Structures are given as structure tokens and as C-alpha cells.
PDB file of N, CA and C in Angstrom:
ATOM      1  N   MET A   1      12.064  -5.224   4.815  1.00  0.00           N
ATOM      2  CA  MET A   1      12.428  -4.008   5.507  1.00  0.00           C
ATOM      3  C   MET A   1      13.308  -3.127   4.630  1.00  0.00           C
ATOM      4  N   ALA A   2      13.907  -3.694   3.616  1.00  0.00           N
ATOM      5  CA  ALA A   2      14.799  -2.913   2.749  1.00  0.00           C
ATOM      6  C   ALA A   2      14.090  -1.701   2.159  1.00  0.00           C
ATOM      7  N   PHE A   3      12.818  -1.861   1.767  1.00  0.00           N
ATOM      8  CA  PHE A   3      12.093  -0.733   1.191  1.00  0.00           C
ATOM      9  C   PHE A   3      12.068   0.439   2.155  1.00  0.00           C
ATOM     10  N   ARG A   4      11.882   0.156   3.434  1.00  0.00           N
ATOM     11  CA  ARG A   4      11.826   1.224   4.437  1.00  0.00           C
ATOM     12  C   ARG A   4      13.188   1.895   4.594  1.00  0.00           C
ATOM     13  N   VAL A   5      14.231   1.095   4.596  1.00  0.00           N
ATOM     14  CA  VAL A   5      15.582   1.650   4.711  1.00  0.00           C
ATOM     15  C   VAL A   5      15.857   2.592   3.542  1.00  0.00           C
ATOM     16  N   TYR A   6      15.536   2.151   2.338  1.00  0.00           N
ATOM     17  CA  TYR A   6      15.765   2.999   1.170  1.00  0.00           C
ATOM     18  C   TYR A   6      14.869   4.242   1.203  1.00  0.00           C
ATOM     19  N   ASP A   7      13.640   4.103   1.664  1.00  0.00           N
ATOM     20  CA  ASP A   7      12.732   5.250   1.760  1.00  0.00           C
ATOM     21  C   ASP A   7      13.242   6.300   2.743  1.00  0.00           C
ATOM     22  N   GLU A   8      13.730   5.839   3.883  1.00  0.00           N
ATOM     23  CA  GLU A   8      14.084   6.766   4.943  1.00  0.00           C
ATOM     24  C   GLU A   8      15.517   7.278   4.877  1.00  0.00           C
ATOM     25  N   PHE A   9      16.391   6.545   4.186  1.00  0.00           N
ATOM     26  CA  PHE A   9      17.802   6.929   4.159  1.00  0.00           C
ATOM     27  C   PHE A   9      18.384   7.061   2.756  1.00  0.00           C
ATOM     28  N   ALA A  10      17.577   7.002   1.751  1.00  0.00           N
ATOM     29  CA  ALA A  10      17.909   7.139   0.331  1.00  0.00           C
ATOM     30  C   ALA A  10      19.402   7.110  -0.015  1.00  0.00           C
ATOM     31  N   ASN A  11      20.086   8.222   0.094  1.00  0.00           N
ATOM     32  CA  ASN A  11      21.472   8.333  -0.364  1.00  0.00           C
ATOM     33  C   ASN A  11      22.504   7.877   0.651  1.00  0.00           C
ATOM     34  N   GLU A  12      22.072   7.383   1.794  1.00  0.00           N
ATOM     35  CA  GLU A  12      22.991   6.969   2.858  1.00  0.00           C
ATOM     36  C   GLU A  12      23.129   5.453   2.950  1.00  0.00           C
ATOM     37  N   VAL A  13      22.568   4.723   1.993  1.00  0.00           N
ATOM     38  CA  VAL A  13      22.543   3.257   2.058  1.00  0.00           C
ATOM     39  C   VAL A  13      23.655   2.673   1.204  1.00  0.00           C
ATOM     40  N   THR A  14      24.413   1.741   1.791  1.00  0.00           N
ATOM     41  CA  THR A  14      25.356   0.926   1.031  1.00  0.00           C
ATOM     42  C   THR A  14      24.971  -0.533   1.238  1.00  0.00           C
ATOM     43  N   LYS A  15      25.374  -1.374   0.324  1.00  0.00           N
ATOM     44  CA  LYS A  15      25.009  -2.792   0.353  1.00  0.00           C
ATOM     45  C   LYS A  15      26.274  -3.621   0.179  1.00  0.00           C
ATOM     46  N   ASP A  16      26.404  -4.695   0.989  1.00  0.00           N
ATOM     47  CA  ASP A  16      27.562  -5.567   0.841  1.00  0.00           C
ATOM     48  C   ASP A  16      27.238  -6.753  -0.067  1.00  0.00           C
ATOM     49  N   GLU A  17      28.201  -7.633  -0.269  1.00  0.00           N
ATOM     50  CA  GLU A  17      28.039  -8.773  -1.180  1.00  0.00           C
ATOM     51  C   GLU A  17      26.971  -9.757  -0.725  1.00  0.00           C
ATOM     52  N   GLN A  18      26.690  -9.808   0.584  1.00  0.00           N
ATOM     53  CA  GLN A  18      25.670 -10.712   1.115  1.00  0.00           C
ATOM     54  C   GLN A  18      24.277 -10.081   1.079  1.00  0.00           C
ATOM     55  N   GLY A  19      24.191  -8.838   0.649  1.00  0.00           N
ATOM     56  CA  GLY A  19      22.902  -8.169   0.572  1.00  0.00           C
ATOM     57  C   GLY A  19      22.529  -7.385   1.821  1.00  0.00           C
ATOM     58  N   ASN A  20      23.443  -7.331   2.798  1.00  0.00           N
ATOM     59  CA  ASN A  20      23.189  -6.540   4.005  1.00  0.00           C
ATOM     60  C   ASN A  20      23.249  -5.062   3.656  1.00  0.00           C
ATOM     61  N   LEU A  21      22.360  -4.297   4.252  1.00  0.00           N
ATOM     62  CA  LEU A  21      22.323  -2.861   4.033  1.00  0.00           C
ATOM     63  C   LEU A  21      22.967  -2.148   5.212  1.00  0.00           C
ATOM     64  N   TYR A  22      23.716  -1.099   4.922  1.00  0.00           N
ATOM     65  CA  TYR A  22      24.375  -0.301   5.950  1.00  0.00           C
ATOM     66  C   TYR A  22      23.997   1.154   5.759  1.00  0.00           C
ATOM     67  N   VAL A  23      23.717   1.807   6.881  1.00  0.00           N
ATOM     68  CA  VAL A  23      23.379   3.223   6.861  1.00  0.00           C
ATOM     69  C   VAL A  23      24.266   3.927   7.865  1.00  0.00           C
ATOM     70  N   GLN A  24      24.890   5.005   7.424  1.00  0.00           N
ATOM     71  CA  GLN A  24      25.636   5.864   8.337  1.00  0.00           C
ATOM     72  C   GLN A  24      24.944   7.211   8.310  1.00  0.00           C
ATOM     73  N   THR A  25      24.400   7.595   9.465  1.00  0.00           N
ATOM     74  CA  THR A  25      23.638   8.829   9.547  1.00  0.00           C
ATOM     75  C   THR A  25      23.749   9.404  10.942  1.00  0.00           C
ATOM     76  N   ASN A  26      23.301  10.607  11.106  1.00  0.00           N
ATOM     77  CA  ASN A  26      23.248  11.252  12.417  1.00  0.00           C
ATOM     78  C   ASN A  26      21.800  11.353  12.848  1.00  0.00           C
ATOM     79  N   LEU A  27      21.526  10.852  14.040  1.00  0.00           N
ATOM     80  CA  LEU A  27      20.190  10.934  14.628  1.00  0.00           C
ATOM     81  C   LEU A  27      20.328  11.485  16.035  1.00  0.00           C
ATOM     82  N   PRO A  28      19.307  12.168  16.545  1.00  0.00           N
ATOM     83  CA  PRO A  28      19.392  12.696  17.909  1.00  0.00           C
ATOM     84  C   PRO A  28      19.481  11.559  18.927  1.00  0.00           C
ATOM     85  N   SER A  29      20.313  11.758  19.933  1.00  0.00           N
ATOM     86  CA  SER A  29      20.498  10.742  20.968  1.00  0.00           C
ATOM     87  C   SER A  29      19.557  11.034  22.134  1.00  0.00           C
ATOM     88  N   ASN A  30      18.319  10.558  22.003  1.00  0.00           N
ATOM     89  CA  ASN A  30      17.322  10.726  23.066  1.00  0.00           C
ATOM     90  C   ASN A  30      16.423   9.493  23.075  1.00  0.00           C
ATOM     91  N   ASP A  31      15.412   9.482  23.917  1.00  0.00           N
ATOM     92  CA  ASP A  31      14.540   8.308  24.018  1.00  0.00           C
ATOM     93  C   ASP A  31      13.845   7.984  22.702  1.00  0.00           C
ATOM     94  N   ALA A  32      13.571   8.983  21.898  1.00  0.00           N
ATOM     95  CA  ALA A  32      12.933   8.746  20.596  1.00  0.00           C
ATOM     96  C   ALA A  32      13.826   7.900  19.686  1.00  0.00           C
ATOM     97  N   LEU A  33      15.139   8.024  19.847  1.00  0.00           N
ATOM     98  CA  LEU A  33      16.069   7.228  19.044  1.00  0.00           C
ATOM     99  C   LEU A  33      15.835   5.738  19.263  1.00  0.00           C
ATOM    100  N   TYR A  34      15.671   5.339  20.517  1.00  0.00           N
ATOM    101  CA  TYR A  34      15.509   3.916  20.824  1.00  0.00           C
ATOM    102  C   TYR A  34      14.165   3.400  20.302  1.00  0.00           C
ATOM    103  N   SER A  35      13.138   4.195  20.423  1.00  0.00           N
ATOM    104  CA  SER A  35      11.843   3.805  19.857  1.00  0.00           C
ATOM    105  C   SER A  35      11.961   3.623  18.351  1.00  0.00           C
ATOM    106  N   TYR A  36      12.672   4.531  17.718  1.00  0.00           N
ATOM    107  CA  TYR A  36      12.860   4.451  16.276  1.00  0.00           C
ATOM    108  C   TYR A  36      13.633   3.190  15.899  1.00  0.00           C
ATOM    109  N   LEU A  37      14.729   2.932  16.589  1.00  0.00           N
ATOM    110  CA  LEU A  37      15.517   1.726  16.290  1.00  0.00           C
ATOM    111  C   LEU A  37      14.706   0.462  16.513  1.00  0.00           C
ATOM    112  N   PHE A  38      13.948   0.419  17.618  1.00  0.00           N
ATOM    113  CA  PHE A  38      13.141  -0.763  17.900  1.00  0.00           C
ATOM    114  C   PHE A  38      12.006  -0.935  16.901  1.00  0.00           C
ATOM    115  N   SER A  39      11.637   0.121  16.198  1.00  0.00           N
ATOM    116  CA  SER A  39      10.578  -0.011  15.190  1.00  0.00           C
ATOM    117  C   SER A  39      11.035  -0.863  14.001  1.00  0.00           C
ATOM    118  N   PHE A  40      12.345  -1.095  13.898  1.00  0.00           N
ATOM    119  CA  PHE A  40      12.880  -1.986  12.866  1.00  0.00           C
ATOM    120  C   PHE A  40      12.925  -3.437  13.358  1.00  0.00           C
ATOM    121  N   ALA A  41      12.515  -3.645  14.606  1.00  0.00           N
ATOM    122  CA  ALA A  41      12.464  -4.979  15.228  1.00  0.00           C
ATOM    123  C   ALA A  41      13.827  -5.665  15.115  1.00  0.00           C
ATOM    124  N   ASP A  42      13.823  -6.939  14.764  1.00  0.00           N
ATOM    125  CA  ASP A  42      15.086  -7.675  14.681  1.00  0.00           C
ATOM    126  C   ASP A  42      15.747  -7.567  13.306  1.00  0.00           C
ATOM    127  N   TYR A  43      15.307  -6.628  12.509  1.00  0.00           N
ATOM    128  CA  TYR A  43      15.893  -6.409  11.185  1.00  0.00           C
ATOM    129  C   TYR A  43      17.053  -5.421  11.211  1.00  0.00           C
ATOM    130  N   VAL A  44      17.359  -4.875  12.388  1.00  0.00           N
ATOM    131  CA  VAL A  44      18.422  -3.877  12.499  1.00  0.00           C
ATOM    132  C   VAL A  44      19.439  -4.309  13.537  1.00  0.00           C
ATOM    133  N   GLU A  45      20.684  -3.935  13.292  1.00  0.00           N
ATOM    134  CA  GLU A  45      21.731  -4.064  14.301  1.00  0.00           C
ATOM    135  C   GLU A  45      22.503  -2.756  14.301  1.00  0.00           C
ATOM    136  N   LEU A  46      22.526  -2.113  15.431  1.00  0.00           N
ATOM    137  CA  LEU A  46      23.282  -0.882  15.581  1.00  0.00           C
ATOM    138  C   LEU A  46      24.739  -1.254  15.808  1.00  0.00           C
ATOM    139  N   LEU A  47      25.613  -0.806  14.955  1.00  0.00           N
ATOM    140  CA  LEU A  47      27.024  -1.164  15.067  1.00  0.00           C
ATOM    141  C   LEU A  47      27.816  -0.159  15.900  1.00  0.00           C
ATOM    142  N   GLU A  48      27.494   1.090  15.764  1.00  0.00           N
ATOM    143  CA  GLU A  48      28.160   2.131  16.542  1.00  0.00           C
ATOM    144  C   GLU A  48      27.321   3.395  16.540  1.00  0.00           C
ATOM    145  N   PRO A  49      27.528   4.268  17.478  1.00  0.00           N
ATOM    146  CA  PRO A  49      28.583   4.299  18.491  1.00  0.00           C
ATOM    147  C   PRO A  49      28.338   3.278  19.596  1.00  0.00           C
ATOM    148  N   GLU A  50      29.404   2.826  20.179  1.00  0.00           N
ATOM    149  CA  GLU A  50      29.355   1.765  21.185  1.00  0.00           C
ATOM    150  C   GLU A  50      28.490   2.149  22.387  1.00  0.00           C
ATOM    151  N   ILE A  51      28.508   3.407  22.779  1.00  0.00           N
ATOM    152  CA  ILE A  51      27.712   3.830  23.939  1.00  0.00           C
ATOM    153  C   ILE A  51      26.214   3.658  23.678  1.00  0.00           C
ATOM    154  N   ILE A  52      25.775   3.952  22.466  1.00  0.00           N
ATOM    155  CA  ILE A  52      24.363   3.782  22.113  1.00  0.00           C
ATOM    156  C   ILE A  52      24.058   2.291  21.956  1.00  0.00           C
ATOM    157  N   ARG A  53      24.984   1.550  21.369  1.00  0.00           N
ATOM    158  CA  ARG A  53      24.810   0.101  21.233  1.00  0.00           C
ATOM    159  C   ARG A  53      24.642  -0.539  22.612  1.00  0.00           C
ATOM    160  N   GLY A  54      25.444  -0.097  23.573  1.00  0.00           N
ATOM    161  CA  GLY A  54      25.333  -0.614  24.942  1.00  0.00           C
ATOM    162  C   GLY A  54      23.991  -0.274  25.568  1.00  0.00           C
ATOM    163  N   ARG A  55      23.507   0.924  25.308  1.00  0.00           N
ATOM    164  CA  ARG A  55      22.209   1.332  25.862  1.00  0.00           C
ATOM    165  C   ARG A  55      21.080   0.507  25.246  1.00  0.00           C
ATOM    166  N   VAL A  56      21.198   0.177  23.969  1.00  0.00           N
ATOM    167  CA  VAL A  56      20.207  -0.684  23.314  1.00  0.00           C
ATOM    168  C   VAL A  56      20.203  -2.049  24.001  1.00  0.00           C
ATOM    169  N   LYS A  57      21.373  -2.597  24.268  1.00  0.00           N
ATOM    170  CA  LYS A  57      21.467  -3.887  24.959  1.00  0.00           C
ATOM    171  C   LYS A  57      20.791  -3.824  26.327  1.00  0.00           C
ATOM    172  N   GLU A  58      21.031  -2.733  27.063  1.00  0.00           N
ATOM    173  CA  GLU A  58      20.419  -2.576  28.384  1.00  0.00           C
ATOM    174  C   GLU A  58      18.894  -2.525  28.286  1.00  0.00           C
ATOM    175  N   LYS A  59      18.390  -1.782  27.338  1.00  0.00           N
ATOM    176  CA  LYS A  59      16.943  -1.671  27.167  1.00  0.00           C
ATOM    177  C   LYS A  59      16.333  -3.021  26.770  1.00  0.00           C
ATOM    178  N   LEU A  60      17.011  -3.745  25.900  1.00  0.00           N
ATOM    179  CA  LEU A  60      16.512  -5.065  25.498  1.00  0.00           C
ATOM    180  C   LEU A  60      16.503  -6.036  26.674  1.00  0.00           C
ATOM    181  N   ALA A  61      17.538  -5.987  27.496  1.00  0.00           N
ATOM    182  CA  ALA A  61      17.593  -6.863  28.672  1.00  0.00           C
ATOM    183  C   ALA A  61      16.455  -6.528  29.635  1.00  0.00           C
ATOM    184  N   ALA A  62      16.183  -5.246  29.831  1.00  0.00           N
ATOM    185  CA  ALA A  62      15.088  -4.834  30.715  1.00  0.00           C
ATOM    186  C   ALA A  62      13.748  -5.292  30.155  1.00  0.00           C
ATOM    187  N   MET A  63      13.593  -5.192  28.848  1.00  0.00           N
ATOM    188  CA  MET A  63      12.356  -5.647  28.216  1.00  0.00           C
ATOM    189  C   MET A  63      12.200  -7.160  28.369  1.00  0.00           C
ATOM    190  N   GLN A  64      13.288  -7.891  28.181  1.00  0.00           N
ATOM    191  CA  GLN A  64      13.245  -9.353  28.272  1.00  0.00           C
ATOM    192  C   GLN A  64      12.841  -9.817  29.672  1.00  0.00           C
ATOM    193  N   LYS A  65      13.305  -9.127  30.690  1.00  0.00           N
ATOM    194  CA  LYS A  65      12.979  -9.488  32.078  1.00  0.00           C
ATOM    195  C   LYS A  65      11.470  -9.499  32.324  1.00  0.00           C
ATOM    196  N   LYS A  66      10.761  -8.660  31.616  1.00  0.00           N
ATOM    197  CA  LYS A  66       9.316  -8.575  31.796  1.00  0.00           C
ATOM    198  C   LYS A  66       8.585  -9.798  31.243  1.00  0.00           C
ATOM    199  N   TYR A  67       9.247 -10.565  30.400  1.00  0.00           N
ATOM    200  CA  TYR A  67       8.588 -11.704  29.757  1.00  0.00           C
ATOM    201  C   TYR A  67       9.133 -13.048  30.194  1.00  0.00           C
ATOM    202  N   VAL A  68      10.048 -13.048  31.126  1.00  0.00           N
ATOM    203  CA  VAL A  68      10.582 -14.299  31.652  1.00  0.00           C
ATOM    204  C   VAL A  68       9.635 -14.797  32.733  1.00  0.00           C
ATOM    205  N   THR A  69       9.240 -16.056  32.619  1.00  0.00           N
ATOM    206  CA  THR A  69       8.319 -16.613  33.599  1.00  0.00           C
ATOM    207  C   THR A  69       8.983 -17.683  34.423  1.00  0.00           C
TER     208      THR A  69
END
């Protein structure tokens, strides 16, 4: 997934000693944002803002409910 991060965020990427990539950018806060974040699957973790992080958790919980048998 790193190739995609570098392709889409070029100059906004930093890397830590463990090889984790960090991006700080501004994206519109609408339903398209969540689709975009989910397109990274489990390769992404949104750290902030907390309100968006909370909304991601809510959406994931709602999605999970659909697959619990």
C-alpha cells in the first residue's frame, strides 16, 4: 500500500523508524471521505481529528453487525 500513499500524497508523507507512514492532509469531511479511507482497508489508521475517527468507528461497527451470525 505504500506505493499508493506515495502516489497520492507525495510531499505529505513522513516515515518513522518502524517503517510506518504518516500523512497529514486536508480532505473534505463528507461521505466520500469514509469511502476513500475504507479503500485503504486495514492498511490505514486515522489518528485525528477525533470526531472523524469516532465516525469511522461507528461506521465499522455498523458494517460488522451485518456480518455477525
